[in-house]
N, C-alpha and C. Protein backbone atom coordinates (compact mmCIF):
# COMPACT_ATOMS: atom_id res chain seq x y z
N MET A 1 75.90 125.93 99.33
CA MET A 1 76.74 125.25 100.30
C MET A 1 77.96 124.48 99.30
N ASN A 2 79.08 124.81 99.74
CA ASN A 2 80.18 124.07 99.42
C ASN A 2 80.64 123.07 100.16
N VAL A 3 80.62 121.67 99.59
CA VAL A 3 80.98 120.44 100.25
C VAL A 3 82.54 120.06 99.52
N SER A 4 83.64 119.81 100.25
CA SER A 4 84.86 119.49 99.86
C SER A 4 84.67 117.87 99.38
N LYS A 5 85.55 117.68 98.37
CA LYS A 5 85.27 116.24 98.08
C LYS A 5 86.53 115.55 98.39
N GLN A 6 86.65 114.03 98.79
CA GLN A 6 87.81 113.41 99.23
C GLN A 6 87.83 112.07 98.28
N LEU A 7 89.14 111.84 97.58
CA LEU A 7 89.22 110.93 96.86
C LEU A 7 89.59 109.60 97.81
N MET A 8 88.79 108.38 97.27
CA MET A 8 89.38 107.31 98.24
C MET A 8 89.54 106.11 97.46
N TYR A 9 90.02 105.11 97.78
CA TYR A 9 90.64 103.87 97.33
C TYR A 9 90.14 102.61 98.25
N SER A 10 89.16 101.79 97.45
CA SER A 10 88.65 100.29 98.12
C SER A 10 89.71 99.45 97.91
N LEU A 11 90.11 98.69 98.99
CA LEU A 11 90.86 97.53 99.03
C LEU A 11 89.95 96.38 98.68
N ILE A 12 88.70 96.46 98.69
CA ILE A 12 87.96 95.12 98.58
C ILE A 12 87.57 95.02 96.96
N THR A 13 87.26 96.32 96.34
CA THR A 13 86.88 96.29 94.82
C THR A 13 88.29 96.96 94.02
N GLY A 14 89.13 97.34 94.65
CA GLY A 14 90.27 97.94 93.69
C GLY A 14 90.01 99.39 92.85
N ASP A 15 88.75 99.69 93.21
CA ASP A 15 88.31 100.97 92.71
C ASP A 15 88.56 102.58 93.27
N MET A 16 88.78 103.46 92.53
CA MET A 16 89.07 104.77 93.19
C MET A 16 87.74 105.54 92.92
N TYR A 17 87.37 106.15 94.00
CA TYR A 17 86.24 107.00 93.91
C TYR A 17 86.11 108.29 94.73
N VAL A 18 84.85 109.18 94.61
CA VAL A 18 85.17 110.28 95.22
C VAL A 18 83.97 110.51 95.98
N ILE A 19 84.10 110.82 97.48
CA ILE A 19 82.87 110.91 98.19
C ILE A 19 82.95 112.57 98.97
N GLU A 20 81.92 112.70 99.54
CA GLU A 20 81.92 114.01 100.16
C GLU A 20 82.71 113.84 101.49
N SER A 21 83.58 114.90 101.83
CA SER A 21 84.49 114.79 102.86
C SER A 21 83.73 114.33 104.51
N ASP A 22 82.50 114.83 104.39
CA ASP A 22 81.78 114.61 105.92
C ASP A 22 80.96 113.32 105.79
N GLU A 23 81.28 112.67 104.85
CA GLU A 23 80.82 111.00 105.00
C GLU A 23 82.11 110.03 105.11
N LEU A 24 83.40 110.76 105.43
CA LEU A 24 84.76 109.98 105.64
C LEU A 24 84.71 109.22 106.81
N LYS A 25 83.93 109.83 107.74
CA LYS A 25 83.70 108.97 109.36
C LYS A 25 83.08 107.69 109.18
N ASN A 26 82.18 107.48 107.95
CA ASN A 26 81.21 106.27 107.84
C ASN A 26 82.07 105.27 106.97
N MET A 27 83.29 105.36 106.71
CA MET A 27 83.90 104.59 105.97
C MET A 27 84.69 103.46 106.76
N ASP A 28 84.75 102.21 106.19
CA ASP A 28 85.32 100.97 107.16
C ASP A 28 86.99 101.01 106.73
N LYS A 29 87.46 99.98 107.50
CA LYS A 29 88.79 99.93 107.51
C LYS A 29 89.42 99.57 105.94
N TYR A 30 88.50 99.36 105.07
CA TYR A 30 88.92 99.03 103.66
C TYR A 30 89.00 100.03 102.71
N GLN A 31 88.52 101.21 103.19
CA GLN A 31 88.69 102.52 102.38
C GLN A 31 89.78 103.37 102.84
N ILE A 32 90.59 103.57 101.82
CA ILE A 32 91.83 104.37 102.14
C ILE A 32 91.69 105.82 101.46
N PRO A 33 91.64 107.02 102.26
CA PRO A 33 91.57 108.19 101.51
C PRO A 33 93.13 108.62 100.72
N LEU A 34 93.00 108.97 99.77
CA LEU A 34 94.00 109.59 98.95
C LEU A 34 94.27 111.06 98.88
N LEU A 35 95.34 111.38 98.72
CA LEU A 35 95.69 113.03 98.17
C LEU A 35 95.38 113.13 96.92
N LYS A 36 95.85 112.35 95.95
CA LYS A 36 95.78 112.45 94.36
C LYS A 36 95.92 111.21 94.13
N LYS A 37 95.50 110.93 92.61
CA LYS A 37 95.68 109.71 91.86
C LYS A 37 96.95 109.31 91.71
N PRO A 38 97.37 107.90 91.64
CA PRO A 38 98.61 107.64 91.33
C PRO A 38 98.95 107.82 89.86
N SER A 39 100.12 107.84 89.70
CA SER A 39 101.03 108.10 88.36
C SER A 39 100.76 106.85 87.50
N THR A 40 100.23 107.08 86.32
CA THR A 40 100.09 105.81 85.11
C THR A 40 101.51 105.42 84.88
N SER A 41 102.45 105.97 85.06
CA SER A 41 103.88 105.44 84.90
C SER A 41 104.57 104.60 85.95
N CYS A 42 103.87 104.52 87.08
CA CYS A 42 104.35 103.44 87.90
C CYS A 42 104.47 102.02 87.59
N ASN A 43 105.53 101.57 87.46
CA ASN A 43 106.06 100.28 86.96
C ASN A 43 105.47 99.12 87.92
N LYS A 44 104.85 99.16 88.94
CA LYS A 44 104.29 98.01 89.80
C LYS A 44 102.92 98.00 89.47
N CYS A 45 102.07 99.17 89.40
CA CYS A 45 100.85 99.30 89.26
C CYS A 45 100.08 99.63 88.10
N TYR A 46 100.92 100.49 87.30
CA TYR A 46 100.25 101.28 85.97
C TYR A 46 99.47 102.37 86.30
N GLY A 47 99.16 103.05 87.58
CA GLY A 47 98.02 103.75 88.01
C GLY A 47 96.84 103.01 88.55
N ARG A 48 96.71 101.78 88.71
CA ARG A 48 95.63 101.37 89.28
C ARG A 48 95.72 101.28 90.71
N MET A 49 96.70 101.58 91.35
CA MET A 49 96.72 101.50 93.00
C MET A 49 96.89 100.42 93.78
N TYR A 50 96.85 98.93 92.90
CA TYR A 50 97.04 97.85 93.39
C TYR A 50 97.94 97.14 92.62
N SER A 51 98.78 96.01 93.38
CA SER A 51 99.92 95.47 92.53
C SER A 51 99.28 93.80 92.27
N ASP A 52 98.64 93.47 93.33
CA ASP A 52 97.66 92.17 93.14
C ASP A 52 96.66 91.71 93.96
N TYR A 53 95.99 90.79 93.81
CA TYR A 53 94.98 90.40 94.80
C TYR A 53 95.20 89.21 95.55
N ASN A 54 94.99 89.60 97.06
CA ASN A 54 95.13 88.42 97.94
C ASN A 54 93.94 87.53 97.99
N ILE A 55 94.22 86.23 97.45
CA ILE A 55 92.79 85.34 97.55
C ILE A 55 92.61 84.86 98.97
N ASN A 56 93.62 84.90 99.69
CA ASN A 56 93.26 84.64 101.21
C ASN A 56 92.51 85.57 101.93
N LEU A 57 92.89 86.87 101.69
CA LEU A 57 92.08 88.03 102.56
C LEU A 57 90.93 88.33 101.84
N LYS A 58 90.99 88.02 100.40
CA LYS A 58 89.86 88.57 99.38
C LYS A 58 89.99 90.14 99.29
N ILE A 59 91.28 90.93 99.40
CA ILE A 59 91.52 92.18 99.19
C ILE A 59 92.42 92.41 98.10
N TYR A 60 92.72 93.57 97.56
CA TYR A 60 93.60 94.20 96.53
C TYR A 60 94.64 94.47 97.47
N THR A 61 95.90 94.31 97.15
CA THR A 61 97.19 94.57 97.80
C THR A 61 97.79 95.86 97.19
N PRO A 62 97.73 97.15 98.09
CA PRO A 62 98.03 98.34 97.60
C PRO A 62 99.60 98.35 97.16
N CYS A 63 99.74 99.18 95.97
CA CYS A 63 101.22 99.34 95.34
C CYS A 63 101.96 99.88 96.37
N SER A 64 103.01 99.45 96.74
CA SER A 64 104.15 99.86 97.68
C SER A 64 104.52 101.43 97.39
N LYS A 65 104.72 101.72 96.11
CA LYS A 65 105.28 102.99 95.79
C LYS A 65 104.16 104.03 95.85
N CYS A 66 102.96 103.61 95.17
CA CYS A 66 101.77 104.56 95.30
C CYS A 66 101.26 105.11 96.73
N ILE A 67 100.96 103.90 97.48
CA ILE A 67 100.41 104.05 98.62
C ILE A 67 101.12 105.09 99.54
N ASN A 68 102.39 105.16 99.31
CA ASN A 68 103.27 105.97 100.46
C ASN A 68 103.05 107.62 99.54
N LYS A 69 102.87 107.66 98.56
CA LYS A 69 103.08 108.81 97.59
C LYS A 69 101.41 109.43 97.71
N CYS A 70 100.51 108.54 97.66
CA CYS A 70 99.11 109.31 97.59
C CYS A 70 98.10 108.69 98.48
N GLY A 71 98.49 107.99 99.60
CA GLY A 71 97.63 107.80 101.02
C GLY A 71 97.69 108.96 101.60
N ASP A 72 96.65 109.23 102.32
CA ASP A 72 96.35 110.19 103.17
C ASP A 72 96.16 109.80 104.46
N PHE A 73 97.08 109.40 105.12
CA PHE A 73 96.95 108.52 106.32
C PHE A 73 96.63 109.20 107.49
N SER A 74 96.71 110.89 107.27
CA SER A 74 96.75 111.73 108.36
C SER A 74 94.84 111.66 108.59
N LYS A 75 94.05 111.01 107.69
CA LYS A 75 92.63 110.93 108.12
C LYS A 75 92.27 109.63 108.03
N TYR A 76 93.15 108.70 108.00
CA TYR A 76 92.66 107.45 108.42
C TYR A 76 92.62 107.23 109.89
N THR A 77 91.56 106.45 110.16
CA THR A 77 91.24 106.52 111.70
C THR A 77 91.69 105.58 112.49
N ASP A 78 92.12 104.47 112.12
CA ASP A 78 92.93 103.32 112.99
C ASP A 78 94.38 103.03 112.59
N SER A 79 95.10 103.31 113.69
CA SER A 79 96.65 103.30 113.71
C SER A 79 97.07 101.97 113.34
N LEU A 80 96.45 101.01 113.79
CA LEU A 80 96.69 99.67 113.79
C LEU A 80 96.78 99.16 112.19
N GLU A 81 95.80 99.80 111.84
CA GLU A 81 95.30 99.40 110.04
C GLU A 81 96.51 99.94 109.09
N ILE A 82 96.85 100.99 109.61
CA ILE A 82 98.00 101.73 108.92
C ILE A 82 99.27 100.89 109.02
N GLU A 83 99.60 100.48 110.17
CA GLU A 83 100.64 99.33 110.26
C GLU A 83 100.45 98.26 109.50
N THR A 84 99.43 97.75 109.53
CA THR A 84 99.18 96.58 108.76
C THR A 84 99.19 96.68 107.20
N ILE A 85 98.99 97.85 106.65
CA ILE A 85 98.80 98.11 105.40
C ILE A 85 100.39 98.29 104.96
N LYS A 86 101.25 98.93 105.98
CA LYS A 86 102.55 99.31 105.36
C LYS A 86 103.28 97.94 105.54
N LYS A 87 103.23 97.13 106.34
CA LYS A 87 103.50 95.85 106.44
C LYS A 87 103.27 94.74 105.17
N ALA A 88 101.97 94.85 104.98
CA ALA A 88 101.80 94.02 103.75
C ALA A 88 102.37 94.64 102.32
N THR A 89 102.68 95.70 102.28
CA THR A 89 103.21 96.31 100.98
C THR A 89 104.61 96.37 101.14
N ASN A 90 105.20 96.14 102.04
CA ASN A 90 106.58 95.91 102.60
C ASN A 90 107.17 97.32 102.43
N ALA A 91 106.41 98.46 103.06
CA ALA A 91 106.82 99.80 102.78
C ALA A 91 108.16 99.91 103.82
């Protein structure tokens, strides 16, 4: 049985990790599917995928450059959350 993998980014921990694609439906709104890993030459995040930590919301703010290049919003379930993420990163 060949199961495909999906790269994910957690807004809560700031980590990137891999899950099986069939588990994607179990992810909450703070987990963002990625197409690829961000470039380590990014001047804002240096490949970490986040630019800073929001202490009020207690989440990592995604890098505005990398989230547009690497984020797989076609697999993201909530369209309202997509707009919120894009506004937060000033994209």
